[in-house]
N, C-alpha and C. Protein backbone atom coordinates (compact mmCIF):
# COMPACT_ATOMS: atom_id res chain seq x y z
N MET A 1 1.08 -119.35 7.18
CA MET A 1 1.83 -119.22 5.95
C MET A 1 1.77 -120.50 5.12
N LYS A 2 1.89 -121.66 5.80
CA LYS A 2 1.81 -122.93 5.09
C LYS A 2 0.43 -123.10 4.46
N ARG A 3 -0.60 -122.60 5.17
CA ARG A 3 -1.97 -122.74 4.67
C ARG A 3 -2.14 -121.92 3.39
N CYS A 4 -1.59 -120.71 3.33
CA CYS A 4 -1.67 -119.87 2.12
C CYS A 4 -0.96 -120.55 0.95
N GLY A 5 0.17 -121.15 1.23
CA GLY A 5 0.91 -121.86 0.18
C GLY A 5 0.11 -123.03 -0.36
N PHE A 6 -0.55 -123.76 0.54
CA PHE A 6 -1.37 -124.90 0.13
C PHE A 6 -2.56 -124.44 -0.71
N ILE A 7 -3.20 -123.35 -0.30
CA ILE A 7 -4.35 -122.82 -1.05
C ILE A 7 -3.90 -122.34 -2.43
N LEU A 8 -2.76 -121.68 -2.48
CA LEU A 8 -2.23 -121.21 -3.77
C LEU A 8 -1.91 -122.39 -4.68
N LEU A 9 -1.31 -123.43 -4.13
CA LEU A 9 -0.99 -124.62 -4.91
C LEU A 9 -2.26 -125.27 -5.44
N CYS A 10 -3.29 -125.38 -4.61
CA CYS A 10 -4.57 -125.95 -5.04
C CYS A 10 -5.20 -125.11 -6.15
N ALA A 11 -5.12 -123.80 -6.02
CA ALA A 11 -5.69 -122.91 -7.04
C ALA A 11 -4.96 -123.09 -8.38
N LEU A 12 -3.64 -123.25 -8.32
CA LEU A 12 -2.87 -123.47 -9.55
C LEU A 12 -3.22 -124.80 -10.20
N VAL A 13 -3.42 -125.83 -9.39
CA VAL A 13 -3.80 -127.14 -9.92
C VAL A 13 -5.16 -127.05 -10.61
N VAL A 14 -6.12 -126.38 -9.96
CA VAL A 14 -7.45 -126.21 -10.55
C VAL A 14 -7.36 -125.44 -11.86
N LEU A 15 -6.56 -124.38 -11.88
CA LEU A 15 -6.39 -123.58 -13.09
C LEU A 15 -5.80 -124.43 -14.22
N CYS A 16 -4.81 -125.23 -13.91
CA CYS A 16 -4.20 -126.09 -14.93
C CYS A 16 -5.20 -127.10 -15.48
N VAL A 17 -6.01 -127.67 -14.62
CA VAL A 17 -7.03 -128.63 -15.06
C VAL A 17 -8.05 -127.95 -15.96
N LEU A 18 -8.47 -126.74 -15.58
CA LEU A 18 -9.44 -126.01 -16.41
C LEU A 18 -8.86 -125.65 -17.77
N LEU A 19 -7.62 -125.18 -17.79
CA LEU A 19 -7.00 -124.81 -19.06
C LEU A 19 -6.76 -126.03 -19.95
N ALA A 20 -6.44 -127.14 -19.36
CA ALA A 20 -6.22 -128.36 -20.14
C ALA A 20 -7.50 -128.82 -20.80
N GLY A 21 -8.64 -128.53 -20.20
CA GLY A 21 -9.92 -128.92 -20.76
C GLY A 21 -10.42 -128.01 -21.86
N CYS A 22 -9.81 -126.84 -22.02
CA CYS A 22 -10.23 -125.90 -23.07
C CYS A 22 -9.70 -126.38 -24.40
N GLU A 23 -10.58 -126.45 -25.39
CA GLU A 23 -10.14 -126.85 -26.72
C GLU A 23 -10.11 -125.66 -27.63
N GLY A 24 -8.97 -125.40 -28.18
CA GLY A 24 -8.84 -124.36 -29.19
C GLY A 24 -8.50 -125.01 -30.50
N LYS A 25 -8.53 -124.27 -31.59
CA LYS A 25 -8.15 -124.82 -32.89
C LYS A 25 -6.64 -124.77 -32.98
N THR A 26 -6.03 -125.92 -33.01
CA THR A 26 -4.58 -125.99 -33.12
C THR A 26 -4.21 -126.82 -34.34
N ALA A 27 -3.06 -126.55 -34.86
CA ALA A 27 -2.59 -127.32 -36.01
C ALA A 27 -2.20 -128.71 -35.54
N GLU A 28 -2.60 -129.70 -36.31
CA GLU A 28 -2.29 -131.08 -35.97
C GLU A 28 -1.59 -131.73 -37.15
N ARG A 29 -0.67 -132.62 -36.85
CA ARG A 29 0.01 -133.36 -37.90
C ARG A 29 -0.77 -134.64 -38.17
N SER A 30 -0.81 -135.04 -39.39
CA SER A 30 -1.40 -136.32 -39.75
C SER A 30 -0.85 -136.72 -41.10
N GLU A 31 -1.19 -137.93 -41.54
CA GLU A 31 -0.71 -138.34 -42.84
C GLU A 31 -1.37 -137.54 -43.95
N ALA A 32 -2.39 -136.76 -43.63
CA ALA A 32 -3.07 -135.95 -44.63
C ALA A 32 -2.32 -134.65 -44.91
N GLY A 33 -1.37 -134.29 -44.10
CA GLY A 33 -0.71 -132.99 -44.25
C GLY A 33 -1.36 -132.01 -43.31
N GLU A 34 -0.57 -131.09 -42.79
CA GLU A 34 -1.04 -130.20 -41.74
C GLU A 34 -2.20 -129.31 -42.17
N VAL A 35 -2.16 -128.76 -43.39
CA VAL A 35 -3.24 -127.87 -43.84
C VAL A 35 -4.56 -128.63 -43.90
N PHE A 36 -4.54 -129.81 -44.49
CA PHE A 36 -5.76 -130.60 -44.62
C PHE A 36 -6.26 -131.08 -43.26
N ALA A 37 -5.34 -131.49 -42.38
CA ALA A 37 -5.73 -131.92 -41.04
C ALA A 37 -6.32 -130.76 -40.26
N PHE A 38 -5.74 -129.58 -40.42
CA PHE A 38 -6.23 -128.39 -39.73
C PHE A 38 -7.65 -128.07 -40.16
N CYS A 39 -7.92 -128.17 -41.45
CA CYS A 39 -9.28 -127.91 -41.97
C CYS A 39 -10.24 -129.02 -41.58
N GLY A 40 -9.72 -130.21 -41.33
CA GLY A 40 -10.51 -131.31 -40.81
C GLY A 40 -11.56 -131.85 -41.76
N GLY A 41 -12.35 -132.77 -41.23
CA GLY A 41 -13.50 -133.33 -41.94
C GLY A 41 -13.20 -133.79 -43.35
N GLU A 42 -13.97 -133.25 -44.30
CA GLU A 42 -13.86 -133.66 -45.69
C GLU A 42 -12.49 -133.36 -46.29
N ALA A 43 -11.88 -132.24 -45.90
CA ALA A 43 -10.55 -131.89 -46.44
C ALA A 43 -9.52 -132.92 -46.00
N GLU A 44 -9.57 -133.31 -44.75
CA GLU A 44 -8.61 -134.31 -44.25
C GLU A 44 -8.83 -135.66 -44.93
N ASN A 45 -10.08 -136.07 -45.06
CA ASN A 45 -10.38 -137.34 -45.74
C ASN A 45 -9.95 -137.30 -47.20
N PHE A 46 -10.18 -136.16 -47.85
CA PHE A 46 -9.76 -136.00 -49.24
C PHE A 46 -8.25 -136.22 -49.36
N ALA A 47 -7.49 -135.59 -48.50
CA ALA A 47 -6.03 -135.68 -48.58
C ALA A 47 -5.52 -137.08 -48.28
N LYS A 48 -6.16 -137.75 -47.34
CA LYS A 48 -5.72 -139.11 -46.99
C LYS A 48 -5.89 -140.08 -48.15
N THR A 49 -6.87 -139.82 -49.00
CA THR A 49 -7.15 -140.72 -50.12
C THR A 49 -6.76 -140.12 -51.47
N PHE A 50 -5.98 -139.04 -51.45
CA PHE A 50 -5.64 -138.34 -52.69
C PHE A 50 -4.91 -139.25 -53.66
N ASP A 51 -5.38 -139.26 -54.89
CA ASP A 51 -4.73 -139.97 -55.99
C ASP A 51 -4.86 -139.08 -57.21
N VAL A 52 -3.76 -138.59 -57.72
CA VAL A 52 -3.80 -137.65 -58.84
C VAL A 52 -4.50 -138.25 -60.05
N ASN A 53 -4.50 -139.56 -60.18
CA ASN A 53 -5.16 -140.21 -61.32
C ASN A 53 -6.68 -140.14 -61.21
N GLU A 54 -7.20 -139.83 -60.04
CA GLU A 54 -8.65 -139.66 -59.85
C GLU A 54 -9.07 -138.20 -59.96
N MET A 55 -8.13 -137.33 -60.32
CA MET A 55 -8.42 -135.90 -60.41
C MET A 55 -8.87 -135.52 -61.82
N ASN A 56 -9.94 -134.74 -61.88
CA ASN A 56 -10.40 -134.18 -63.15
C ASN A 56 -9.63 -132.90 -63.46
N CYS A 57 -9.56 -132.02 -62.45
CA CYS A 57 -8.85 -130.76 -62.62
C CYS A 57 -8.67 -130.09 -61.25
N MET A 58 -8.00 -128.97 -61.29
CA MET A 58 -7.87 -128.11 -60.12
C MET A 58 -8.23 -126.71 -60.60
N GLU A 59 -9.05 -126.02 -59.83
CA GLU A 59 -9.43 -124.66 -60.18
C GLU A 59 -8.73 -123.70 -59.23
N TYR A 60 -8.01 -122.77 -59.81
CA TYR A 60 -7.27 -121.77 -59.02
C TYR A 60 -7.90 -120.42 -59.29
N ARG A 61 -8.43 -119.80 -58.26
CA ARG A 61 -9.03 -118.47 -58.38
C ARG A 61 -8.20 -117.49 -57.56
N TYR A 62 -7.93 -116.35 -58.15
CA TYR A 62 -7.17 -115.32 -57.44
C TYR A 62 -7.60 -113.95 -57.95
N THR A 63 -7.26 -112.94 -57.20
CA THR A 63 -7.66 -111.58 -57.55
C THR A 63 -6.46 -110.77 -58.01
N MET A 64 -6.60 -110.17 -59.15
CA MET A 64 -5.64 -109.16 -59.60
C MET A 64 -6.43 -107.85 -59.51
N ASP A 65 -6.63 -107.17 -60.62
CA ASP A 65 -7.56 -106.04 -60.60
C ASP A 65 -8.99 -106.56 -60.58
N THR A 66 -9.17 -107.71 -61.21
CA THR A 66 -10.46 -108.40 -61.21
C THR A 66 -10.20 -109.87 -60.88
N PRO A 67 -11.22 -110.61 -60.49
CA PRO A 67 -11.01 -112.03 -60.20
C PRO A 67 -10.56 -112.80 -61.45
N VAL A 68 -9.61 -113.71 -61.27
CA VAL A 68 -9.07 -114.51 -62.37
C VAL A 68 -9.29 -115.98 -62.03
N PHE A 69 -9.61 -116.77 -63.05
CA PHE A 69 -9.87 -118.19 -62.89
C PHE A 69 -8.90 -118.96 -63.78
N CYS A 70 -8.25 -119.95 -63.21
CA CYS A 70 -7.30 -120.78 -63.96
C CYS A 70 -7.66 -122.24 -63.71
N ARG A 71 -7.89 -122.99 -64.79
CA ARG A 71 -8.22 -124.42 -64.68
C ARG A 71 -6.96 -125.22 -65.00
N ILE A 72 -6.55 -126.06 -64.06
CA ILE A 72 -5.32 -126.84 -64.20
C ILE A 72 -5.72 -128.30 -64.44
N THR A 73 -5.24 -128.86 -65.55
CA THR A 73 -5.55 -130.26 -65.85
C THR A 73 -4.30 -131.13 -65.90
N ASP A 74 -3.14 -130.51 -65.86
CA ASP A 74 -1.88 -131.25 -65.89
C ASP A 74 -1.69 -132.00 -64.56
N LYS A 75 -1.62 -133.31 -64.64
CA LYS A 75 -1.54 -134.14 -63.43
C LYS A 75 -0.26 -133.88 -62.63
N ALA A 76 0.84 -133.63 -63.32
CA ALA A 76 2.10 -133.34 -62.62
C ALA A 76 1.98 -132.04 -61.83
N ALA A 77 1.36 -131.03 -62.42
CA ALA A 77 1.17 -129.75 -61.72
C ALA A 77 0.25 -129.93 -60.52
N MET A 78 -0.82 -130.70 -60.69
CA MET A 78 -1.74 -130.94 -59.56
C MET A 78 -1.03 -131.66 -58.43
N GLN A 79 -0.20 -132.64 -58.76
CA GLN A 79 0.54 -133.38 -57.74
C GLN A 79 1.53 -132.47 -57.02
N THR A 80 2.21 -131.61 -57.77
CA THR A 80 3.17 -130.67 -57.17
C THR A 80 2.47 -129.73 -56.20
N ILE A 81 1.32 -129.22 -56.59
CA ILE A 81 0.57 -128.30 -55.72
C ILE A 81 0.06 -129.03 -54.49
N PHE A 82 -0.46 -130.23 -54.67
CA PHE A 82 -0.93 -131.02 -53.52
C PHE A 82 0.23 -131.30 -52.56
N ASP A 83 1.37 -131.71 -53.09
CA ASP A 83 2.54 -131.99 -52.25
C ASP A 83 2.99 -130.74 -51.49
N ALA A 84 2.96 -129.60 -52.16
CA ALA A 84 3.35 -128.34 -51.50
C ALA A 84 2.39 -128.00 -50.37
N LEU A 85 1.11 -128.23 -50.57
CA LEU A 85 0.12 -128.00 -49.50
C LEU A 85 0.41 -128.91 -48.31
N CYS A 86 0.77 -130.14 -48.58
CA CYS A 86 1.04 -131.10 -47.50
C CYS A 86 2.30 -130.76 -46.71
N GLU A 87 3.22 -130.03 -47.31
CA GLU A 87 4.46 -129.67 -46.63
C GLU A 87 4.35 -128.39 -45.79
N MET A 88 3.28 -127.63 -45.99
CA MET A 88 3.14 -126.37 -45.26
C MET A 88 2.79 -126.63 -43.80
N LYS A 89 3.13 -125.66 -42.97
CA LYS A 89 2.81 -125.72 -41.54
C LYS A 89 1.92 -124.52 -41.21
N ILE A 90 1.03 -124.72 -40.27
CA ILE A 90 0.12 -123.67 -39.83
C ILE A 90 0.75 -122.92 -38.68
N GLY A 91 0.78 -121.60 -38.78
CA GLY A 91 1.30 -120.76 -37.71
C GLY A 91 0.16 -120.20 -36.87
N GLU A 92 0.40 -119.05 -36.32
CA GLU A 92 -0.58 -118.40 -35.43
C GLU A 92 -1.71 -117.76 -36.22
N ARG A 93 -2.84 -117.58 -35.55
CA ARG A 93 -3.95 -116.83 -36.13
C ARG A 93 -3.49 -115.38 -36.26
N THR A 94 -3.90 -114.72 -37.34
CA THR A 94 -3.50 -113.33 -37.56
C THR A 94 -4.72 -112.46 -37.81
N ASP A 95 -4.62 -111.22 -37.35
CA ASP A 95 -5.69 -110.25 -37.59
C ASP A 95 -5.40 -109.40 -38.81
N MET A 96 -4.24 -109.56 -39.42
CA MET A 96 -3.90 -108.79 -40.61
C MET A 96 -4.68 -109.37 -41.79
N ARG A 97 -5.62 -108.60 -42.31
CA ARG A 97 -6.50 -109.08 -43.37
C ARG A 97 -6.45 -108.13 -44.56
N ALA A 98 -6.76 -108.65 -45.72
CA ALA A 98 -6.83 -107.86 -46.94
C ALA A 98 -8.00 -108.38 -47.77
N THR A 99 -8.99 -107.56 -47.98
CA THR A 99 -10.21 -108.01 -48.65
C THR A 99 -10.03 -108.24 -50.15
N ASP A 100 -8.96 -107.76 -50.73
CA ASP A 100 -8.81 -107.87 -52.18
C ASP A 100 -7.74 -108.88 -52.60
N SER A 101 -7.39 -109.81 -51.75
CA SER A 101 -6.33 -110.75 -52.11
C SER A 101 -6.71 -112.20 -51.82
N GLU A 102 -7.99 -112.52 -51.90
CA GLU A 102 -8.41 -113.89 -51.63
C GLU A 102 -8.06 -114.80 -52.81
N GLN A 103 -7.62 -116.00 -52.47
CA GLN A 103 -7.29 -117.03 -53.45
C GLN A 103 -7.93 -118.32 -53.00
N SER A 104 -8.26 -119.18 -53.95
CA SER A 104 -8.78 -120.50 -53.58
C SER A 104 -8.26 -121.55 -54.55
N LEU A 105 -8.06 -122.73 -54.01
CA LEU A 105 -7.70 -123.90 -54.80
C LEU A 105 -8.81 -124.91 -54.59
N THR A 106 -9.44 -125.34 -55.67
CA THR A 106 -10.49 -126.34 -55.58
C THR A 106 -10.05 -127.56 -56.37
N PHE A 107 -9.85 -128.66 -55.68
CA PHE A 107 -9.54 -129.93 -56.33
C PHE A 107 -10.86 -130.55 -56.76
N VAL A 108 -10.95 -131.00 -58.00
CA VAL A 108 -12.18 -131.61 -58.52
C VAL A 108 -11.85 -133.03 -58.99
N LYS A 109 -12.45 -134.02 -58.32
CA LYS A 109 -12.23 -135.42 -58.71
C LYS A 109 -13.12 -135.78 -59.89
N THR A 110 -12.81 -136.88 -60.54
CA THR A 110 -13.60 -137.31 -61.70
C THR A 110 -15.03 -137.66 -61.31
N ASP A 111 -15.27 -138.01 -60.05
CA ASP A 111 -16.64 -138.31 -59.61
C ASP A 111 -17.40 -137.06 -59.18
N GLY A 112 -16.77 -135.89 -59.32
CA GLY A 112 -17.42 -134.62 -58.98
C GLY A 112 -17.15 -134.14 -57.57
N THR A 113 -16.53 -134.96 -56.73
CA THR A 113 -16.19 -134.56 -55.37
C THR A 113 -15.18 -133.41 -55.42
N THR A 114 -15.36 -132.43 -54.53
CA THR A 114 -14.44 -131.29 -54.50
C THR A 114 -13.86 -131.08 -53.11
N CYS A 115 -12.74 -130.41 -53.09
CA CYS A 115 -12.10 -129.99 -51.84
C CYS A 115 -11.50 -128.62 -52.08
N MET A 116 -11.93 -127.63 -51.29
CA MET A 116 -11.45 -126.26 -51.47
C MET A 116 -10.59 -125.82 -50.29
N ILE A 117 -9.46 -125.21 -50.61
CA ILE A 117 -8.58 -124.58 -49.63
C ILE A 117 -8.51 -123.10 -50.00
N ARG A 118 -8.73 -122.23 -49.02
CA ARG A 118 -8.78 -120.79 -49.28
C ARG A 118 -7.62 -120.07 -48.60
N PHE A 119 -7.16 -119.02 -49.27
CA PHE A 119 -6.06 -118.20 -48.77
C PHE A 119 -6.43 -116.73 -48.89
N GLU A 120 -5.76 -115.93 -48.09
CA GLU A 120 -5.88 -114.49 -48.20
C GLU A 120 -4.52 -113.91 -47.85
N GLN A 121 -3.93 -113.20 -48.79
CA GLN A 121 -2.63 -112.58 -48.57
C GLN A 121 -1.61 -113.58 -48.02
N ARG A 122 -1.55 -114.75 -48.63
CA ARG A 122 -0.64 -115.83 -48.25
C ARG A 122 -0.88 -116.38 -46.85
N ASN A 123 -2.06 -116.20 -46.33
CA ASN A 123 -2.49 -116.82 -45.08
C ASN A 123 -3.60 -117.81 -45.39
N LEU A 124 -3.68 -118.88 -44.62
CA LEU A 124 -4.76 -119.84 -44.78
C LEU A 124 -6.04 -119.25 -44.20
N LEU A 125 -7.14 -119.35 -44.92
CA LEU A 125 -8.44 -118.95 -44.39
C LEU A 125 -9.18 -120.20 -43.94
N TYR A 126 -9.65 -120.18 -42.72
CA TYR A 126 -10.44 -121.29 -42.20
C TYR A 126 -11.53 -120.70 -41.31
N GLU A 127 -12.78 -120.96 -41.66
CA GLU A 127 -13.92 -120.45 -40.92
C GLU A 127 -13.80 -118.95 -40.66
N GLU A 128 -13.46 -118.21 -41.66
CA GLU A 128 -13.35 -116.74 -41.64
C GLU A 128 -12.20 -116.20 -40.80
N ASP A 129 -11.36 -117.05 -40.26
CA ASP A 129 -10.14 -116.61 -39.57
C ASP A 129 -8.96 -116.86 -40.50
N ALA A 130 -7.91 -116.07 -40.33
CA ALA A 130 -6.70 -116.22 -41.14
C ALA A 130 -5.57 -116.74 -40.25
N TYR A 131 -4.79 -117.67 -40.81
CA TYR A 131 -3.67 -118.27 -40.08
C TYR A 131 -2.41 -118.14 -40.92
N GLN A 132 -1.33 -117.72 -40.27
CA GLN A 132 -0.05 -117.59 -40.96
C GLN A 132 0.41 -118.96 -41.42
N LEU A 133 1.16 -118.97 -42.51
CA LEU A 133 1.69 -120.22 -43.05
C LEU A 133 3.21 -120.20 -42.99
N GLU A 134 3.77 -121.37 -42.81
CA GLU A 134 5.21 -121.55 -42.84
C GLU A 134 5.53 -122.60 -43.88
N ASN A 135 6.71 -122.53 -44.45
CA ASN A 135 7.15 -123.50 -45.45
C ASN A 135 6.20 -123.51 -46.66
N ASP A 136 5.79 -122.32 -47.09
CA ASP A 136 4.80 -122.21 -48.16
C ASP A 136 5.37 -121.76 -49.50
N ALA A 137 6.67 -121.54 -49.60
CA ALA A 137 7.28 -121.02 -50.83
C ALA A 137 7.03 -121.94 -52.03
N ALA A 138 7.07 -123.25 -51.82
CA ALA A 138 6.87 -124.19 -52.93
C ALA A 138 5.46 -124.07 -53.52
N LEU A 139 4.48 -123.80 -52.68
CA LEU A 139 3.11 -123.64 -53.18
C LEU A 139 3.01 -122.42 -54.08
N TRP A 140 3.48 -121.27 -53.60
CA TRP A 140 3.35 -120.04 -54.38
C TRP A 140 4.16 -120.13 -55.67
N LYS A 141 5.30 -120.81 -55.64
CA LYS A 141 6.10 -121.01 -56.85
C LYS A 141 5.32 -121.86 -57.86
N ALA A 142 4.74 -122.95 -57.39
CA ALA A 142 3.97 -123.83 -58.28
C ALA A 142 2.77 -123.10 -58.88
N LEU A 143 2.11 -122.27 -58.09
CA LEU A 143 0.95 -121.54 -58.59
C LEU A 143 1.36 -120.46 -59.60
N ARG A 144 2.50 -119.83 -59.39
CA ARG A 144 2.99 -118.85 -60.37
C ARG A 144 3.25 -119.53 -61.72
N GLU A 145 3.74 -120.75 -61.67
CA GLU A 145 4.09 -121.47 -62.89
C GLU A 145 2.87 -121.91 -63.70
N VAL A 146 1.71 -122.06 -63.07
CA VAL A 146 0.52 -122.51 -63.80
C VAL A 146 -0.36 -121.37 -64.28
N LYS A 147 -0.08 -120.15 -63.87
CA LYS A 147 -0.92 -119.00 -64.27
C LYS A 147 -0.87 -118.76 -65.75
């Protein structure tokens, strides 16, 4: 009986070690804001060095009956939207998808550098997967105001 308990304990330890080594995409906090850190790479670097005075514009694309394009040049509005993105939290991956509700925000710097964040039905899109968002009301309010 003691031997079975020891074997079971060893199996659990091995399982824990294996699971700890598995890397999944998880939301991470950073000074860049959770959404930008989650998207990683260029998006995270963009957010860490964000300066609204270096912004040329922001392009907001969304779908109504047809795709709509809105160019935002007001620096206060761009800062508000950026701040709202930084305050959002990433939730669980979701399988609930809607092909007719994609939205994108593209920040365009004066040097031509861009950073795009995509959404679908109020979920973050990242590498074709959708993730639920939390604390996102300020973003949608700011976007309604610039339409």
